[in-house]
Amino acid sequence: MDDRISLVVFMDANIIFIYRTQPFKVMKVHTIKLDIIKKIIQVRDSNVLNKINKLLDEELIVGYTPNGTPINLKAYKKRIKKAERDVELNKIMSQDELKKESELW
């Protein structure tokens, strides 16, 4: 799909109409955001708002992997739990062991 924004021109009775078009996926995301905003404005239950807030916080980008891929809070917490399990299961390597192993590369 073409991601460029283009112009569409229509002529009717000596009047020229120019419309700026955006890619479908950009318009779809924009439409979804507006729909969500409208729904949130109508919510009166603080429990529902807290759940929405927590969900959005989990999706917030908090860092990047070594190769530059964005990582959200949910994935970050998952990586921390895995690292803690690895430590508990002694699936770790000391710096000296790592240095010796890297000399063999």
PDB file of N, CA and C in Angstrom:
ATOM      1  N   MET A   1       0.843  -1.184   0.000  1.00  0.00           N
ATOM      2  CA  MET A   1       0.000   0.000   0.000  1.00  0.00           C
ATOM      3  C   MET A   1       0.880   1.236   0.000  1.00  0.00           C
ATOM      4  N   ASP A   2       0.476   2.236  -0.758  1.00  0.00           N
ATOM      5  CA  ASP A   2       1.196   3.495  -0.865  1.00  0.00           C
ATOM      6  C   ASP A   2       0.928   4.340   0.376  1.00  0.00           C
ATOM      7  N   ASP A   3       1.991   4.769   1.074  1.00  0.00           N
ATOM      8  CA  ASP A   3       1.840   5.541   2.309  1.00  0.00           C
ATOM      9  C   ASP A   3       1.883   7.048   2.086  1.00  0.00           C
ATOM     10  N   ARG A   4       1.979   7.490   0.845  1.00  0.00           N
ATOM     11  CA  ARG A   4       2.057   8.925   0.594  1.00  0.00           C
ATOM     12  C   ARG A   4       0.672   9.568   0.667  1.00  0.00           C
ATOM     13  N   ILE A   5       0.673  10.854   1.036  1.00  0.00           N
ATOM     14  CA  ILE A   5      -0.568  11.634   1.027  1.00  0.00           C
ATOM     15  C   ILE A   5      -0.707  12.218  -0.375  1.00  0.00           C
ATOM     16  N   SER A   6      -1.911  12.173  -0.927  1.00  0.00           N
ATOM     17  CA  SER A   6      -2.115  12.686  -2.277  1.00  0.00           C
ATOM     18  C   SER A   6      -3.300  13.649  -2.301  1.00  0.00           C
ATOM     19  N   LEU A   7      -3.449  14.330  -3.423  1.00  0.00           N
ATOM     20  CA  LEU A   7      -4.556  15.256  -3.609  1.00  0.00           C
ATOM     21  C   LEU A   7      -5.492  14.686  -4.657  1.00  0.00           C
ATOM     22  N   VAL A   8      -6.785  14.830  -4.435  1.00  0.00           N
ATOM     23  CA  VAL A   8      -7.798  14.412  -5.391  1.00  0.00           C
ATOM     24  C   VAL A   8      -8.544  15.662  -5.822  1.00  0.00           C
ATOM     25  N   VAL A   9      -8.664  15.864  -7.136  1.00  0.00           N
ATOM     26  CA  VAL A   9      -9.290  17.065  -7.665  1.00  0.00           C
ATOM     27  C   VAL A   9     -10.566  16.683  -8.413  1.00  0.00           C
ATOM     28  N   PHE A  10     -11.674  17.373  -8.104  1.00  0.00           N
ATOM     29  CA  PHE A  10     -12.952  17.182  -8.790  1.00  0.00           C
ATOM     30  C   PHE A  10     -13.379  18.519  -9.368  1.00  0.00           C
ATOM     31  N   MET A  11     -13.941  18.486 -10.557  1.00  0.00           N
ATOM     32  CA  MET A  11     -14.477  19.711 -11.154  1.00  0.00           C
ATOM     33  C   MET A  11     -15.975  19.559 -11.325  1.00  0.00           C
ATOM     34  N   ASP A  12     -16.713  20.593 -10.917  1.00  0.00           N
ATOM     35  CA  ASP A  12     -18.166  20.570 -11.047  1.00  0.00           C
ATOM     36  C   ASP A  12     -18.649  21.996 -11.268  1.00  0.00           C
ATOM     37  N   ALA A  13     -19.277  22.263 -12.414  1.00  0.00           N
ATOM     38  CA  ALA A  13     -19.835  23.582 -12.735  1.00  0.00           C
ATOM     39  C   ALA A  13     -18.835  24.706 -12.501  1.00  0.00           C
ATOM     40  N   ASN A  14     -17.677  24.553 -13.092  1.00  0.00           N
ATOM     41  CA  ASN A  14     -16.602  25.549 -13.008  1.00  0.00           C
ATOM     42  C   ASN A  14     -16.063  25.759 -11.594  1.00  0.00           C
ATOM     43  N   ILE A  15     -16.307  24.834 -10.719  1.00  0.00           N
ATOM     44  CA  ILE A  15     -15.752  24.894  -9.360  1.00  0.00           C
ATOM     45  C   ILE A  15     -14.812  23.705  -9.204  1.00  0.00           C
ATOM     46  N   ILE A  16     -13.665  23.963  -8.669  1.00  0.00           N
ATOM     47  CA  ILE A  16     -12.688  22.894  -8.456  1.00  0.00           C
ATOM     48  C   ILE A  16     -12.660  22.568  -6.969  1.00  0.00           C
ATOM     49  N   PHE A  17     -12.867  21.301  -6.659  1.00  0.00           N
ATOM     50  CA  PHE A  17     -12.784  20.815  -5.284  1.00  0.00           C
ATOM     51  C   PHE A  17     -11.482  20.039  -5.145  1.00  0.00           C
ATOM     52  N   ILE A  18     -10.686  20.392  -4.149  1.00  0.00           N
ATOM     53  CA  ILE A  18      -9.429  19.682  -3.909  1.00  0.00           C
ATOM     54  C   ILE A  18      -9.508  19.045  -2.536  1.00  0.00           C
ATOM     55  N   TYR A  19      -9.299  17.739  -2.502  1.00  0.00           N
ATOM     56  CA  TYR A  19      -9.333  16.987  -1.248  1.00  0.00           C
ATOM     57  C   TYR A  19      -7.965  16.396  -0.987  1.00  0.00           C
ATOM     58  N   ARG A  20      -7.544  16.492   0.218  1.00  0.00           N
ATOM     59  CA  ARG A  20      -6.289  15.867   0.624  1.00  0.00           C
ATOM     60  C   ARG A  20      -6.625  14.486   1.157  1.00  0.00           C
ATOM     61  N   THR A  21      -6.028  13.478   0.586  1.00  0.00           N
ATOM     62  CA  THR A  21      -6.307  12.114   1.029  1.00  0.00           C
ATOM     63  C   THR A  21      -5.106  11.573   1.779  1.00  0.00           C
ATOM     64  N   GLN A  22      -5.375  10.710   2.725  1.00  0.00           N
ATOM     65  CA  GLN A  22      -4.325  10.064   3.491  1.00  0.00           C
ATOM     66  C   GLN A  22      -4.437   8.566   3.283  1.00  0.00           C
ATOM     67  N   PRO A  23      -3.357   7.849   3.541  1.00  0.00           N
ATOM     68  CA  PRO A  23      -3.432   6.397   3.406  1.00  0.00           C
ATOM     69  C   PRO A  23      -4.523   5.830   4.320  1.00  0.00           C
ATOM     70  N   PHE A  24      -5.115   4.738   3.904  1.00  0.00           N
ATOM     71  CA  PHE A  24      -6.202   4.107   4.657  1.00  0.00           C
ATOM     72  C   PHE A  24      -5.789   3.798   6.077  1.00  0.00           C
ATOM     73  N   LYS A  25      -4.600   3.236   6.265  1.00  0.00           N
ATOM     74  CA  LYS A  25      -4.214   2.823   7.614  1.00  0.00           C
ATOM     75  C   LYS A  25      -4.048   4.023   8.543  1.00  0.00           C
ATOM     76  N   VAL A  26      -3.555   5.163   8.042  1.00  0.00           N
ATOM     77  CA  VAL A  26      -3.416   6.358   8.872  1.00  0.00           C
ATOM     78  C   VAL A  26      -4.796   6.862   9.264  1.00  0.00           C
ATOM     79  N   MET A  27      -5.707   6.920   8.307  1.00  0.00           N
ATOM     80  CA  MET A  27      -7.054   7.384   8.605  1.00  0.00           C
ATOM     81  C   MET A  27      -7.738   6.438   9.581  1.00  0.00           C
ATOM     82  N   LYS A  28      -7.505   5.158   9.432  1.00  0.00           N
ATOM     83  CA  LYS A  28      -8.141   4.194  10.319  1.00  0.00           C
ATOM     84  C   LYS A  28      -7.664   4.401  11.755  1.00  0.00           C
ATOM     85  N   VAL A  29      -6.369   4.575  11.971  1.00  0.00           N
ATOM     86  CA  VAL A  29      -5.834   4.802  13.315  1.00  0.00           C
ATOM     87  C   VAL A  29      -6.406   6.093  13.888  1.00  0.00           C
ATOM     88  N   HIS A  30      -6.452   7.121  13.086  1.00  0.00           N
ATOM     89  CA  HIS A  30      -7.002   8.411  13.528  1.00  0.00           C
ATOM     90  C   HIS A  30      -8.472   8.247  13.933  1.00  0.00           C
ATOM     91  N   THR A  31      -9.234   7.530  13.137  1.00  0.00           N
ATOM     92  CA  THR A  31     -10.654   7.303  13.427  1.00  0.00           C
ATOM     93  C   THR A  31     -10.826   6.509  14.716  1.00  0.00           C
ATOM     94  N   ILE A  32     -10.003   5.505  14.909  1.00  0.00           N
ATOM     95  CA  ILE A  32     -10.068   4.689  16.132  1.00  0.00           C
ATOM     96  C   ILE A  32      -9.759   5.546  17.354  1.00  0.00           C
ATOM     97  N   LYS A  33      -8.727   6.375  17.256  1.00  0.00           N
ATOM     98  CA  LYS A  33      -8.364   7.248  18.379  1.00  0.00           C
ATOM     99  C   LYS A  33      -9.518   8.177  18.746  1.00  0.00           C
ATOM    100  N   LEU A  34     -10.126   8.791  17.739  1.00  0.00           N
ATOM    101  CA  LEU A  34     -11.245   9.696  18.014  1.00  0.00           C
ATOM    102  C   LEU A  34     -12.418   8.955  18.644  1.00  0.00           C
ATOM    103  N   ASP A  35     -12.675   7.744  18.166  1.00  0.00           N
ATOM    104  CA  ASP A  35     -13.756   6.935  18.730  1.00  0.00           C
ATOM    105  C   ASP A  35     -13.480   6.604  20.200  1.00  0.00           C
ATOM    106  N   ILE A  36     -12.247   6.254  20.507  1.00  0.00           N
ATOM    107  CA  ILE A  36     -11.871   5.943  21.890  1.00  0.00           C
ATOM    108  C   ILE A  36     -12.010   7.178  22.774  1.00  0.00           C
ATOM    109  N   ILE A  37     -11.560   8.325  22.273  1.00  0.00           N
ATOM    110  CA  ILE A  37     -11.661   9.571  23.049  1.00  0.00           C
ATOM    111  C   ILE A  37     -13.121   9.876  23.380  1.00  0.00           C
ATOM    112  N   LYS A  38     -13.995   9.743  22.388  1.00  0.00           N
ATOM    113  CA  LYS A  38     -15.425  10.002  22.615  1.00  0.00           C
ATOM    114  C   LYS A  38     -15.988   9.074  23.692  1.00  0.00           C
ATOM    115  N   LYS A  39     -15.588   7.814  23.650  1.00  0.00           N
ATOM    116  CA  LYS A  39     -16.089   6.855  24.638  1.00  0.00           C
ATOM    117  C   LYS A  39     -15.552   7.162  26.026  1.00  0.00           C
ATOM    118  N   ILE A  40     -14.281   7.496  26.124  1.00  0.00           N
ATOM    119  CA  ILE A  40     -13.668   7.787  27.426  1.00  0.00           C
ATOM    120  C   ILE A  40     -14.325   9.003  28.068  1.00  0.00           C
ATOM    121  N   ILE A  41     -14.627  10.005  27.272  1.00  0.00           N
ATOM    122  CA  ILE A  41     -15.271  11.211  27.801  1.00  0.00           C
ATOM    123  C   ILE A  41     -16.598  10.877  28.470  1.00  0.00           C
ATOM    124  N   GLN A  42     -17.301   9.872  27.981  1.00  0.00           N
ATOM    125  CA  GLN A  42     -18.611   9.515  28.522  1.00  0.00           C
ATOM    126  C   GLN A  42     -18.531   8.613  29.761  1.00  0.00           C
ATOM    127  N   VAL A  43     -17.373   8.040  30.038  1.00  0.00           N
ATOM    128  CA  VAL A  43     -17.229   7.120  31.171  1.00  0.00           C
ATOM    129  C   VAL A  43     -17.288   7.905  32.473  1.00  0.00           C
ATOM    130  N   ARG A  44     -18.091   7.414  33.416  1.00  0.00           N
ATOM    131  CA  ARG A  44     -18.216   8.069  34.722  1.00  0.00           C
ATOM    132  C   ARG A  44     -17.642   7.205  35.856  1.00  0.00           C
ATOM    133  N   ASP A  45     -17.388   5.957  35.566  1.00  0.00           N
ATOM    134  CA  ASP A  45     -16.904   5.010  36.566  1.00  0.00           C
ATOM    135  C   ASP A  45     -15.376   5.093  36.663  1.00  0.00           C
ATOM    136  N   SER A  46     -14.869   5.484  37.821  1.00  0.00           N
ATOM    137  CA  SER A  46     -13.416   5.633  37.989  1.00  0.00           C
ATOM    138  C   SER A  46     -12.686   4.301  37.870  1.00  0.00           C
ATOM    139  N   ASN A  47     -13.348   3.192  38.211  1.00  0.00           N
ATOM    140  CA  ASN A  47     -12.710   1.881  38.059  1.00  0.00           C
ATOM    141  C   ASN A  47     -12.415   1.583  36.592  1.00  0.00           C
ATOM    142  N   VAL A  48     -13.363   1.919  35.732  1.00  0.00           N
ATOM    143  CA  VAL A  48     -13.167   1.710  34.289  1.00  0.00           C
ATOM    144  C   VAL A  48     -12.031   2.597  33.788  1.00  0.00           C
ATOM    145  N   LEU A  49     -12.011   3.855  34.225  1.00  0.00           N
ATOM    146  CA  LEU A  49     -10.951   4.771  33.810  1.00  0.00           C
ATOM    147  C   LEU A  49      -9.587   4.299  34.299  1.00  0.00           C
ATOM    148  N   ASN A  50      -9.532   3.759  35.525  1.00  0.00           N
ATOM    149  CA  ASN A  50      -8.271   3.229  36.047  1.00  0.00           C
ATOM    150  C   ASN A  50      -7.789   2.035  35.225  1.00  0.00           C
ATOM    151  N   LYS A  51      -8.719   1.179  34.792  1.00  0.00           N
ATOM    152  CA  LYS A  51      -8.352   0.031  33.954  1.00  0.00           C
ATOM    153  C   LYS A  51      -7.804   0.491  32.607  1.00  0.00           C
ATOM    154  N   ILE A  52      -8.457   1.489  32.017  1.00  0.00           N
ATOM    155  CA  ILE A  52      -7.989   2.034  30.744  1.00  0.00           C
ATOM    156  C   ILE A  52      -6.603   2.639  30.912  1.00  0.00           C
ATOM    157  N   ASN A  53      -6.420   3.396  31.982  1.00  0.00           N
ATOM    158  CA  ASN A  53      -5.135   4.032  32.252  1.00  0.00           C
ATOM    159  C   ASN A  53      -4.032   2.992  32.433  1.00  0.00           C
ATOM    160  N   LYS A  54      -4.335   1.926  33.158  1.00  0.00           N
ATOM    161  CA  LYS A  54      -3.349   0.874  33.381  1.00  0.00           C
ATOM    162  C   LYS A  54      -2.980   0.199  32.057  1.00  0.00           C
ATOM    163  N   LEU A  55      -3.980  -0.067  31.228  1.00  0.00           N
ATOM    164  CA  LEU A  55      -3.734  -0.679  29.928  1.00  0.00           C
ATOM    165  C   LEU A  55      -2.834   0.209  29.071  1.00  0.00           C
ATOM    166  N   LEU A  56      -3.135   1.499  29.038  1.00  0.00           N
ATOM    167  CA  LEU A  56      -2.322   2.425  28.253  1.00  0.00           C
ATOM    168  C   LEU A  56      -0.907   2.538  28.809  1.00  0.00           C
ATOM    169  N   ASP A  57      -0.765   2.525  30.127  1.00  0.00           N
ATOM    170  CA  ASP A  57       0.562   2.566  30.737  1.00  0.00           C
ATOM    171  C   ASP A  57       1.389   1.348  30.346  1.00  0.00           C
ATOM    172  N   GLU A  58       0.744   0.178  30.274  1.00  0.00           N
ATOM    173  CA  GLU A  58       1.446  -1.051  29.909  1.00  0.00           C
ATOM    174  C   GLU A  58       1.981  -0.992  28.477  1.00  0.00           C
ATOM    175  N   GLU A  59       1.310  -0.244  27.620  1.00  0.00           N
ATOM    176  CA  GLU A  59       1.718  -0.148  26.219  1.00  0.00           C
ATOM    177  C   GLU A  59       2.706   0.986  25.958  1.00  0.00           C
ATOM    178  N   LEU A  60       2.992   1.791  26.978  1.00  0.00           N
ATOM    179  CA  LEU A  60       3.904   2.917  26.850  1.00  0.00           C
ATOM    180  C   LEU A  60       5.322   2.425  26.546  1.00  0.00           C
ATOM    181  N   ILE A  61       5.993   3.033  25.588  1.00  0.00           N
ATOM    182  CA  ILE A  61       7.370   2.673  25.249  1.00  0.00           C
ATOM    183  C   ILE A  61       8.280   3.182  26.372  1.00  0.00           C
ATOM    184  N   VAL A  62       9.030   2.253  26.973  1.00  0.00           N
ATOM    185  CA  VAL A  62       9.898   2.623  28.095  1.00  0.00           C
ATOM    186  C   VAL A  62      11.378   2.476  27.778  1.00  0.00           C
ATOM    187  N   GLY A  63      11.689   1.899  26.640  1.00  0.00           N
ATOM    188  CA  GLY A  63      13.086   1.719  26.287  1.00  0.00           C
ATOM    189  C   GLY A  63      13.212   1.027  24.940  1.00  0.00           C
ATOM    190  N   TYR A  64      14.446   0.617  24.655  1.00  0.00           N
ATOM    191  CA  TYR A  64      14.740  -0.014  23.377  1.00  0.00           C
ATOM    192  C   TYR A  64      15.662  -1.194  23.595  1.00  0.00           C
ATOM    193  N   THR A  65      15.499  -2.224  22.775  1.00  0.00           N
ATOM    194  CA  THR A  65      16.377  -3.384  22.834  1.00  0.00           C
ATOM    195  C   THR A  65      17.735  -2.995  22.257  1.00  0.00           C
ATOM    196  N   PRO A  66      18.757  -3.828  22.435  1.00  0.00           N
ATOM    197  CA  PRO A  66      20.084  -3.487  21.885  1.00  0.00           C
ATOM    198  C   PRO A  66      20.081  -3.231  20.376  1.00  0.00           C
ATOM    199  N   ASN A  67      19.152  -3.847  19.647  1.00  0.00           N
ATOM    200  CA  ASN A  67      19.107  -3.612  18.197  1.00  0.00           C
ATOM    201  C   ASN A  67      18.205  -2.437  17.818  1.00  0.00           C
ATOM    202  N   GLY A  68      17.670  -1.715  18.820  1.00  0.00           N
ATOM    203  CA  GLY A  68      16.896  -0.512  18.555  1.00  0.00           C
ATOM    204  C   GLY A  68      15.391  -0.687  18.491  1.00  0.00           C
ATOM    205  N   THR A  69      14.904  -1.885  18.739  1.00  0.00           N
ATOM    206  CA  THR A  69      13.463  -2.133  18.712  1.00  0.00           C
ATOM    207  C   THR A  69      12.823  -1.550  19.969  1.00  0.00           C
ATOM    208  N   PRO A  70      11.725  -0.775  19.811  1.00  0.00           N
ATOM    209  CA  PRO A  70      11.058  -0.231  20.997  1.00  0.00           C
ATOM    210  C   PRO A  70      10.516  -1.349  21.892  1.00  0.00           C
ATOM    211  N   ILE A  71      10.539  -1.117  23.187  1.00  0.00           N
ATOM    212  CA  ILE A  71      10.014  -2.104  24.134  1.00  0.00           C
ATOM    213  C   ILE A  71       9.024  -1.394  25.067  1.00  0.00           C
ATOM    214  N   ASN A  72       7.836  -1.986  25.212  1.00  0.00           N
ATOM    215  CA  ASN A  72       6.831  -1.374  26.082  1.00  0.00           C
ATOM    216  C   ASN A  72       6.975  -1.895  27.505  1.00  0.00           C
ATOM    217  N   LEU A  73       6.242  -1.280  28.417  1.00  0.00           N
ATOM    218  CA  LEU A  73       6.351  -1.613  29.834  1.00  0.00           C
ATOM    219  C   LEU A  73       6.016  -3.077  30.092  1.00  0.00           C
ATOM    220  N   LYS A  74       4.996  -3.588  29.426  1.00  0.00           N
ATOM    221  CA  LYS A  74       4.579  -4.971  29.612  1.00  0.00           C
ATOM    222  C   LYS A  74       5.714  -5.937  29.229  1.00  0.00           C
ATOM    223  N   ALA A  75       6.333  -5.709  28.078  1.00  0.00           N
ATOM    224  CA  ALA A  75       7.437  -6.565  27.632  1.00  0.00           C
ATOM    225  C   ALA A  75       8.661  -6.402  28.534  1.00  0.00           C
ATOM    226  N   TYR A  76       8.886  -5.183  29.009  1.00  0.00           N
ATOM    227  CA  TYR A  76      10.016  -4.909  29.900  1.00  0.00           C
ATOM    228  C   TYR A  76       9.870  -5.700  31.199  1.00  0.00           C
ATOM    229  N   LYS A  77       8.664  -5.665  31.777  1.00  0.00           N
ATOM    230  CA  LYS A  77       8.418  -6.420  33.007  1.00  0.00           C
ATOM    231  C   LYS A  77       8.592  -7.920  32.779  1.00  0.00           C
ATOM    232  N   LYS A  78       8.161  -8.394  31.617  1.00  0.00           N
ATOM    233  CA  LYS A  78       8.305  -9.812  31.279  1.00  0.00           C
ATOM    234  C   LYS A  78       9.784 -10.193  31.208  1.00  0.00           C
ATOM    235  N   ARG A  79      10.606  -9.334  30.623  1.00  0.00           N
ATOM    236  CA  ARG A  79      12.053  -9.598  30.543  1.00  0.00           C
ATOM    237  C   ARG A  79      12.684  -9.619  31.934  1.00  0.00           C
ATOM    238  N   ILE A  80      12.231  -8.716  32.807  1.00  0.00           N
ATOM    239  CA  ILE A  80      12.764  -8.679  34.169  1.00  0.00           C
ATOM    240  C   ILE A  80      12.430  -9.974  34.900  1.00  0.00           C
ATOM    241  N   LYS A  81      11.179 -10.447  34.779  1.00  0.00           N
ATOM    242  CA  LYS A  81      10.782 -11.694  35.429  1.00  0.00           C
ATOM    243  C   LYS A  81      11.594 -12.868  34.916  1.00  0.00           C
ATOM    244  N   LYS A  82      11.854 -12.903  33.603  1.00  0.00           N
ATOM    245  CA  LYS A  82      12.659 -13.988  33.040  1.00  0.00           C
ATOM    246  C   LYS A  82      14.082 -13.932  33.592  1.00  0.00           C
ATOM    247  N   ALA A  83      14.645 -12.738  33.685  1.00  0.00           N
ATOM    248  CA  ALA A  83      16.003 -12.589  34.227  1.00  0.00           C
ATOM    249  C   ALA A  83      16.055 -13.034  35.685  1.00  0.00           C
ATOM    250  N   GLU A  84      15.022 -12.696  36.449  1.00  0.00           N
ATOM    251  CA  GLU A  84      14.984 -13.114  37.860  1.00  0.00           C
ATOM    252  C   GLU A  84      14.893 -14.637  37.973  1.00  0.00           C
ATOM    253  N   ARG A  85      14.090 -15.267  37.099  1.00  0.00           N
ATOM    254  CA  ARG A  85      13.997 -16.738  37.096  1.00  0.00           C
ATOM    255  C   ARG A  85      15.336 -17.361  36.727  1.00  0.00           C
ATOM    256  N   ASP A  86      16.014 -16.759  35.741  1.00  0.00           N
ATOM    257  CA  ASP A  86      17.327 -17.272  35.348  1.00  0.00           C
ATOM    258  C   ASP A  86      18.303 -17.220  36.514  1.00  0.00           C
ATOM    259  N   VAL A  87      18.257 -16.155  37.297  1.00  0.00           N
ATOM    260  CA  VAL A  87      19.134 -16.035  38.464  1.00  0.00           C
ATOM    261  C   VAL A  87      18.781 -17.117  39.487  1.00  0.00           C
ATOM    262  N   GLU A  88      17.478 -17.308  39.750  1.00  0.00           N
ATOM    263  CA  GLU A  88      17.039 -18.332  40.703  1.00  0.00           C
ATOM    264  C   GLU A  88      17.462 -19.731  40.268  1.00  0.00           C
ATOM    265  N   LEU A  89      17.453 -19.992  38.963  1.00  0.00           N
ATOM    266  CA  LEU A  89      17.821 -21.308  38.426  1.00  0.00           C
ATOM    267  C   LEU A  89      19.318 -21.407  38.125  1.00  0.00           C
ATOM    268  N   ASN A  90      20.046 -20.384  38.537  1.00  0.00           N
ATOM    269  CA  ASN A  90      21.495 -20.319  38.340  1.00  0.00           C
ATOM    270  C   ASN A  90      21.880 -20.404  36.860  1.00  0.00           C
ATOM    271  N   LYS A  91      21.031 -19.853  36.005  1.00  0.00           N
ATOM    272  CA  LYS A  91      21.325 -19.790  34.570  1.00  0.00           C
ATOM    273  C   LYS A  91      22.039 -18.475  34.283  1.00  0.00           C
ATOM    274  N   ILE A  92      23.136 -18.274  34.995  1.00  0.00           N
ATOM    275  CA  ILE A  92      23.882 -17.032  34.853  1.00  0.00           C
ATOM    276  C   ILE A  92      25.345 -17.359  34.617  1.00  0.00           C
ATOM    277  N   MET A  93      26.081 -16.350  34.200  1.00  0.00           N
ATOM    278  CA  MET A  93      27.504 -16.532  33.932  1.00  0.00           C
ATOM    279  C   MET A  93      28.237 -15.346  34.546  1.00  0.00           C
ATOM    280  N   SER A  94      29.323 -15.619  35.229  1.00  0.00           N
ATOM    281  CA  SER A  94      30.106 -14.522  35.804  1.00  0.00           C
ATOM    282  C   SER A  94      30.823 -13.780  34.678  1.00  0.00           C
ATOM    283  N   GLN A  95      31.307 -12.608  34.995  1.00  0.00           N
ATOM    284  CA  GLN A  95      32.005 -11.815  33.988  1.00  0.00           C
ATOM    285  C   GLN A  95      33.278 -12.526  33.547  1.00  0.00           C
ATOM    286  N   ASP A  96      33.960 -13.164  34.488  1.00  0.00           N
ATOM    287  CA  ASP A  96      35.178 -13.904  34.134  1.00  0.00           C
ATOM    288  C   ASP A  96      34.852 -15.066  33.192  1.00  0.00           C
ATOM    289  N   GLU A  97      33.762 -15.794  33.485  1.00  0.00           N
ATOM    290  CA  GLU A  97      33.360 -16.899  32.609  1.00  0.00           C
ATOM    291  C   GLU A  97      33.008 -16.388  31.207  1.00  0.00           C
ATOM    292  N   LEU A  98      32.329 -15.271  31.166  1.00  0.00           N
ATOM    293  CA  LEU A  98      31.949 -14.681  29.885  1.00  0.00           C
ATOM    294  C   LEU A  98      33.190 -14.249  29.111  1.00  0.00           C
ATOM    295  N   LYS A  99      34.143 -13.669  29.805  1.00  0.00           N
ATOM    296  CA  LYS A  99      35.373 -13.222  29.158  1.00  0.00           C
ATOM    297  C   LYS A  99      36.125 -14.411  28.561  1.00  0.00           C
ATOM    298  N   LYS A 100      36.222 -15.517  29.320  1.00  0.00           N
ATOM    299  CA  LYS A 100      36.897 -16.724  28.820  1.00  0.00           C
ATOM    300  C   LYS A 100      36.173 -17.284  27.602  1.00  0.00           C
ATOM    301  N   GLU A 101      34.839 -17.290  27.671  1.00  0.00           N
ATOM    302  CA  GLU A 101      34.057 -17.819  26.543  1.00  0.00           C
ATOM    303  C   GLU A 101      34.204 -16.926  25.312  1.00  0.00           C
ATOM    304  N   SER A 102      34.227 -15.622  25.508  1.00  0.00           N
ATOM    305  CA  SER A 102      34.312 -14.714  24.370  1.00  0.00           C
ATOM    306  C   SER A 102      35.683 -14.801  23.681  1.00  0.00           C
ATOM    307  N   GLU A 103      36.700 -15.240  24.409  1.00  0.00           N
ATOM    308  CA  GLU A 103      38.024 -15.410  23.805  1.00  0.00           C
ATOM    309  C   GLU A 103      38.024 -16.554  22.784  1.00  0.00           C
ATOM    310  N   LEU A 104      37.058 -17.459  22.895  1.00  0.00           N
ATOM    311  CA  LEU A 104      36.958 -18.591  21.969  1.00  0.00           C
ATOM    312  C   LEU A 104      36.192 -18.232  20.702  1.00  0.00           C
ATOM    313  N   TRP A 105      35.600 -17.070  20.656  1.00  0.00           N
ATOM    314  CA  TRP A 105      34.792 -16.689  19.490  1.00  0.00           C
ATOM    315  C   TRP A 105      35.641 -16.388  18.309  1.00  0.00           C
TER     316      TRP A 105
END
